[in-house]
Protein backbone atom coordinates (compact mmCIF):
# COMPACT_ATOMS: atom_id res chain seq x y z
CA UNK A 1 -21.37 -4.72 9.63
CA UNK A 2 -20.87 -6.27 6.34
CA UNK A 3 -18.06 -4.82 4.82
CA UNK A 4 -19.00 -6.63 1.22
CA UNK A 5 -15.84 -8.50 0.67
CA UNK A 6 -17.26 -12.14 0.33
CA UNK A 7 -16.33 -12.67 -3.41
CA UNK A 8 -14.19 -9.70 -4.02
CA UNK A 9 -10.55 -9.81 -5.97
CA UNK A 10 -7.77 -8.19 -4.27
CA UNK A 11 -3.85 -7.15 -5.27
CA UNK A 12 -2.13 -6.22 -2.44
CA UNK A 13 1.60 -5.45 -3.65
CA UNK A 14 4.57 -5.84 -1.19
CA UNK A 15 2.83 -8.90 0.15
CA UNK A 16 6.22 -10.91 0.64
CA UNK A 17 7.24 -9.43 3.94
CA UNK A 18 5.89 -11.63 7.23
CA UNK A 19 6.24 -8.87 9.33
CA UNK A 20 5.05 -5.73 7.22
CA UNK A 21 1.99 -3.69 6.57
CA UNK A 22 1.54 -5.93 3.42
CA UNK A 23 0.97 -9.42 5.14
CA UNK A 24 -1.48 -7.91 7.45
CA UNK A 25 -3.40 -5.92 4.99
CA UNK A 26 -3.27 -9.17 2.66
CA UNK A 27 -4.71 -11.27 5.67
CA UNK A 28 -7.25 -8.89 6.81
CA UNK A 29 -8.81 -8.93 3.39
CA UNK A 30 -8.76 -12.49 3.15
CA UNK A 31 -10.70 -13.07 6.57
CA UNK A 32 -13.23 -11.01 5.57
CA UNK A 33 -14.21 -12.85 2.09
CA UNK A 34 -11.72 -11.71 -0.47
CA UNK A 35 -9.25 -14.02 -2.55
CA UNK A 36 -6.00 -12.57 -2.69
CA UNK A 37 -3.21 -11.79 -5.47
CA UNK A 38 -0.20 -11.57 -3.11
CA UNK A 39 2.69 -9.65 -5.34
CA UNK A 40 6.16 -8.80 -4.21
CA UNK A 41 10.01 -8.75 -5.81
CA UNK A 42 10.07 -11.54 -3.09
CA UNK A 43 8.58 -14.13 -4.98
CA UNK A 44 9.33 -16.66 -1.77
CA UNK A 45 7.75 -14.21 0.69
CA UNK A 46 4.84 -14.12 -1.29
CA UNK A 47 4.25 -17.63 -1.52
CA UNK A 48 4.28 -17.83 2.15
CA UNK A 49 1.82 -14.97 2.22
CA UNK A 50 -0.66 -16.75 -0.42
CA UNK A 51 -0.27 -20.24 1.59
CA UNK A 52 -1.29 -18.45 4.18
CA UNK A 53 -4.38 -17.19 2.56
CA UNK A 54 -5.26 -20.62 1.30
CA UNK A 55 -4.87 -22.27 4.83
CA UNK A 56 -7.96 -20.41 5.78
CA UNK A 57 -9.69 -20.98 2.96
CA UNK A 58 -9.34 -18.20 0.09
CA UNK A 59 -8.06 -18.57 -3.26
CA UNK A 60 -4.63 -17.01 -3.58
CA UNK A 61 -2.13 -16.52 -5.94
CA UNK A 62 1.84 -15.56 -5.56
CA UNK A 63 3.57 -12.91 -8.17
CA UNK A 64 6.74 -11.89 -8.62
CA UNK A 65 6.69 -7.77 -9.32
CA UNK A 66 8.80 -5.27 -9.88
CA UNK A 67 6.93 -2.52 -9.37
CA UNK A 68 9.44 -0.42 -10.78
CA UNK A 69 9.02 -2.12 -14.32
CA UNK A 70 5.65 -1.20 -15.92
CA UNK A 71 5.56 -4.49 -18.09
CA UNK A 72 5.66 -6.12 -14.28
CA UNK A 73 2.42 -4.46 -13.65
CA UNK A 74 0.95 -5.24 -16.57
CA UNK A 75 1.69 -8.74 -16.24
CA UNK A 76 0.54 -8.52 -12.68
CA UNK A 77 -2.96 -7.32 -13.75
CA UNK A 78 -2.94 -9.96 -16.99
CA UNK A 79 -2.31 -12.75 -14.28
CA UNK A 80 -5.09 -11.51 -11.86
CA UNK A 81 -7.58 -11.63 -14.54
CA UNK A 82 -6.59 -15.24 -16.17
CA UNK A 83 -6.66 -16.74 -12.77
CA UNK A 84 -9.96 -14.47 -11.30
CA UNK A 85 -11.78 -12.85 -14.16
CA UNK A 86 -11.88 -9.60 -12.34
CA UNK A 87 -9.82 -6.65 -10.35
CA UNK A 88 -11.78 -5.61 -7.42
CA UNK A 89 -9.26 -3.56 -5.16
CA UNK A 90 -5.75 -2.29 -5.62
CA UNK A 91 -3.64 -2.06 -2.36
CA UNK A 92 0.08 -0.11 -3.33
CA UNK A 93 1.58 -0.90 -0.44
CA UNK A 94 5.27 -2.11 -2.21
CA UNK A 95 7.80 0.94 -0.99
CA UNK A 96 11.65 1.49 0.12
CA UNK A 97 13.45 4.33 1.56
CA UNK A 98 16.87 5.16 0.89
CA UNK A 99 18.56 5.46 4.46
CA UNK A 100 18.15 8.78 5.73
CA UNK A 101 21.02 11.19 4.75
CA UNK A 102 21.24 15.16 4.30
CA UNK A 103 19.95 15.75 0.83
CA UNK A 104 23.28 17.57 -0.38
CA UNK A 105 24.89 13.73 0.43
CA UNK A 106 22.39 11.75 -1.60
CA UNK A 107 23.14 10.83 -5.15
CA UNK A 108 20.96 10.51 -8.26
CA UNK A 109 20.50 6.68 -7.86
CA UNK A 110 18.86 7.32 -4.41
CA UNK A 111 16.85 9.90 -5.40
CA UNK A 112 15.96 7.77 -8.59
CA UNK A 113 15.22 4.91 -6.54
CA UNK A 114 13.18 6.41 -3.82
CA UNK A 115 11.15 7.81 -6.93
CA UNK A 116 10.90 5.03 -8.78
CA UNK A 117 9.43 2.17 -5.97
CA UNK A 118 6.96 4.50 -4.10
CA UNK A 119 5.67 7.39 -7.01
CA UNK A 120 6.25 5.71 -10.51
CA UNK A 121 5.41 2.18 -8.89
CA UNK A 122 2.03 3.14 -7.44
CA UNK A 123 1.35 4.77 -11.05
CA UNK A 124 2.43 1.48 -12.74
CA UNK A 125 0.44 -0.60 -10.28
CA UNK A 126 -2.68 1.71 -10.82
CA UNK A 127 -2.77 2.12 -14.62
CA UNK A 128 -2.69 -1.60 -15.23
CA UNK A 129 -5.38 -2.49 -13.43
CA UNK A 130 -7.90 0.82 -14.35
CA UNK A 131 -8.73 -0.89 -17.39
CA UNK A 132 -10.16 -3.73 -15.63
CA UNK A 133 -12.16 -1.47 -12.79
CA UNK A 134 -13.51 1.31 -15.62
CA UNK A 135 -14.80 -1.78 -17.25
CA UNK A 136 -17.01 -2.92 -14.71
CA UNK A 137 -17.77 0.43 -13.27
CA UNK A 138 -16.52 -0.38 -10.27
CA UNK A 139 -13.17 -0.56 -7.97
CA UNK A 140 -11.11 0.40 -4.73
CA UNK A 141 -7.68 1.62 -4.71
CA UNK A 142 -6.01 1.95 -1.41
CA UNK A 143 -2.08 3.59 -1.35
CA UNK A 144 0.32 3.77 1.37
CA UNK A 145 1.52 7.59 1.80
CA UNK A 146 3.76 8.51 4.80
CA UNK A 147 4.08 11.65 7.17
CA UNK A 148 6.78 12.61 5.22
CA UNK A 149 4.86 13.38 2.04
CA UNK A 150 2.25 15.28 4.29
CA UNK A 151 5.28 17.70 6.10
CA UNK A 152 8.30 16.91 4.76
CA UNK A 153 10.69 14.43 6.36
CA UNK A 154 14.16 15.28 7.66
CA UNK A 155 17.09 13.27 6.06
CA UNK A 156 14.22 11.92 3.49
CA UNK A 157 14.35 14.05 0.73
CA UNK A 158 13.61 11.51 -1.91
CA UNK A 159 11.23 9.89 0.04
CA UNK A 160 9.21 12.58 0.98
CA UNK A 161 8.67 13.61 -2.54
CA UNK A 162 7.65 10.30 -3.75
CA UNK A 163 5.29 10.15 -0.91
CA UNK A 164 4.11 13.65 -1.44
CA UNK A 165 3.64 12.86 -5.31
CA UNK A 166 1.66 9.76 -4.55
CA UNK A 167 -1.01 11.98 -2.22
CA UNK A 168 -1.18 14.45 -5.16
CA UNK A 169 -1.23 11.90 -8.01
CA UNK A 170 -4.42 9.92 -5.73
CA UNK A 171 -5.99 13.29 -4.92
CA UNK A 172 -6.06 14.15 -8.94
CA UNK A 173 -6.97 10.63 -10.55
CA UNK A 174 -10.01 10.33 -7.64
CA UNK A 175 -12.02 13.05 -9.57
CA UNK A 176 -10.81 11.24 -12.90
CA UNK A 177 -12.35 8.20 -11.66
CA UNK A 178 -15.36 9.15 -9.78
CA UNK A 179 -17.92 8.87 -12.58
CA UNK A 180 -16.25 5.50 -13.31
CA UNK A 181 -17.38 4.28 -9.24
CA UNK A 182 -13.78 3.90 -8.76
CA UNK A 183 -12.69 4.99 -5.28
CA UNK A 184 -9.14 6.30 -4.93
CA UNK A 185 -7.78 7.19 -0.95
CA UNK A 186 -4.78 6.82 1.38
CA UNK A 187 -3.56 6.04 4.57
CA UNK A 188 -0.57 7.82 6.16
CA UNK A 189 0.87 5.20 8.37
CA UNK A 190 3.09 6.52 11.98
CA UNK A 191 6.28 4.75 13.19
CA UNK A 192 5.63 1.56 13.04
CA UNK A 193 7.86 -1.30 14.78
CA UNK A 194 7.99 -3.35 11.26
CA UNK A 195 10.94 -4.41 8.91
CA UNK A 196 10.68 -1.08 7.20
CA UNK A 197 11.62 0.76 10.06
CA UNK A 198 14.52 -1.15 11.39
CA UNK A 199 16.46 1.04 8.92
CA UNK A 200 16.26 4.15 11.96
CA UNK A 201 19.09 4.48 14.24
CA UNK A 202 19.14 2.95 17.51
CA UNK A 203 16.88 4.14 20.20
CA UNK A 204 14.81 6.50 17.65
CA UNK A 205 11.42 3.87 17.64
CA UNK A 206 11.72 3.68 21.57
CA UNK A 207 12.23 7.66 21.79
CA UNK A 208 9.20 8.25 19.41
CA UNK A 209 7.03 6.46 21.98
CA UNK A 210 7.22 9.46 24.50
CA UNK A 211 5.92 11.87 21.50
CA UNK A 212 2.87 9.83 20.56
CA UNK A 213 -0.56 10.35 22.49
CA UNK A 214 -1.47 7.18 22.57
CA UNK A 215 1.32 6.02 23.82
CA UNK A 216 2.88 3.21 21.56
CA UNK A 217 3.87 2.91 18.00
CA UNK A 218 1.30 1.93 15.29
CA UNK A 219 0.96 -1.81 14.22
CA UNK A 220 1.20 -3.65 11.30
CA UNK A 221 -2.85 -4.56 12.31
CA UNK A 222 -3.53 -0.54 12.81
CA UNK A 223 -2.60 -0.26 9.37
CA UNK A 224 -4.31 -2.90 7.94
CA UNK A 225 -7.79 -1.98 9.60
CA UNK A 226 -7.52 1.74 7.99
CA UNK A 227 -6.72 -0.03 4.62
CA UNK A 228 -9.49 -2.47 4.65
CA UNK A 229 -11.89 -0.36 5.80
CA UNK A 230 -11.74 2.39 2.97
CA UNK A 231 -11.08 -0.67 -0.01
CA UNK A 232 -14.85 -1.96 1.98
CA UNK A 233 -18.24 -0.57 0.95
CA UNK A 234 -18.41 1.01 4.02
CA UNK A 235 -16.01 3.98 2.62
CA UNK A 236 -18.14 4.01 -0.77
CA UNK A 237 -18.55 7.47 -0.25
CA UNK A 238 -15.16 8.44 0.37
CA UNK A 239 -12.67 9.22 -2.32
CA UNK A 240 -9.15 11.54 -2.79
CA UNK A 241 -8.89 11.48 1.39
CA UNK A 242 -5.79 10.51 3.18
CA UNK A 243 -6.76 8.77 6.49
CA UNK A 244 -3.74 9.58 8.71
CA UNK A 245 -2.90 6.07 11.47
CA UNK A 246 -0.26 7.62 13.94
CA UNK A 247 -1.47 7.26 17.38
CA UNK A 248 -2.43 11.07 17.77
CA UNK A 249 -1.92 14.10 16.16
CA UNK A 250 1.18 15.59 14.65
CA UNK A 251 2.80 12.32 15.75
């Protein structure tokens, strides 16, 4: 099946970690024919990702982007337009989570950080690219949410609120942007053995496997496959949806 990525330009935030979802998403898009804008607050990591894209024959640039800063998001979009003259795809992958703790022990700075990186970061980057997608009457935006945003996560009140906000934001915006032929969807990953999960208490990942019907943790490639499908022409009639990739129901 031709997924329609040849000649497309994709921005991926949170692309600097070499073991995270962002890197897997970037490489999968690149292998399908996308040119890549790898964005991360860790510029050196983003450069490594961009170099790997170029090594397989696609064009790439790396940008230092703090998604919590609206000007950084605008600069990201401007740099992409300067280099590639268009923006076809945005993957809102950048995120963070305050180490789990009871809500009554959270301080304002921890709450604000969860909201700023996850929810505000998604809003900033989305608003920065939309004028260009609206002008060309096409675009795909896929954001990473979480089961914590669907069911609520114990000891992760701020993160849960932010991820739930991303879902509501994306569903509402998909209605606004439908007439412009812009698809806006989400992927909700299961527990994955990435750098993000290394904050988990000892034994949590191993014990989690026991409750997953497929009997394994979600991988970065699992998430990349789901994201790339939603960003493809194969998903042209799908918008405002959450694709749950967790190894089974209620995992």
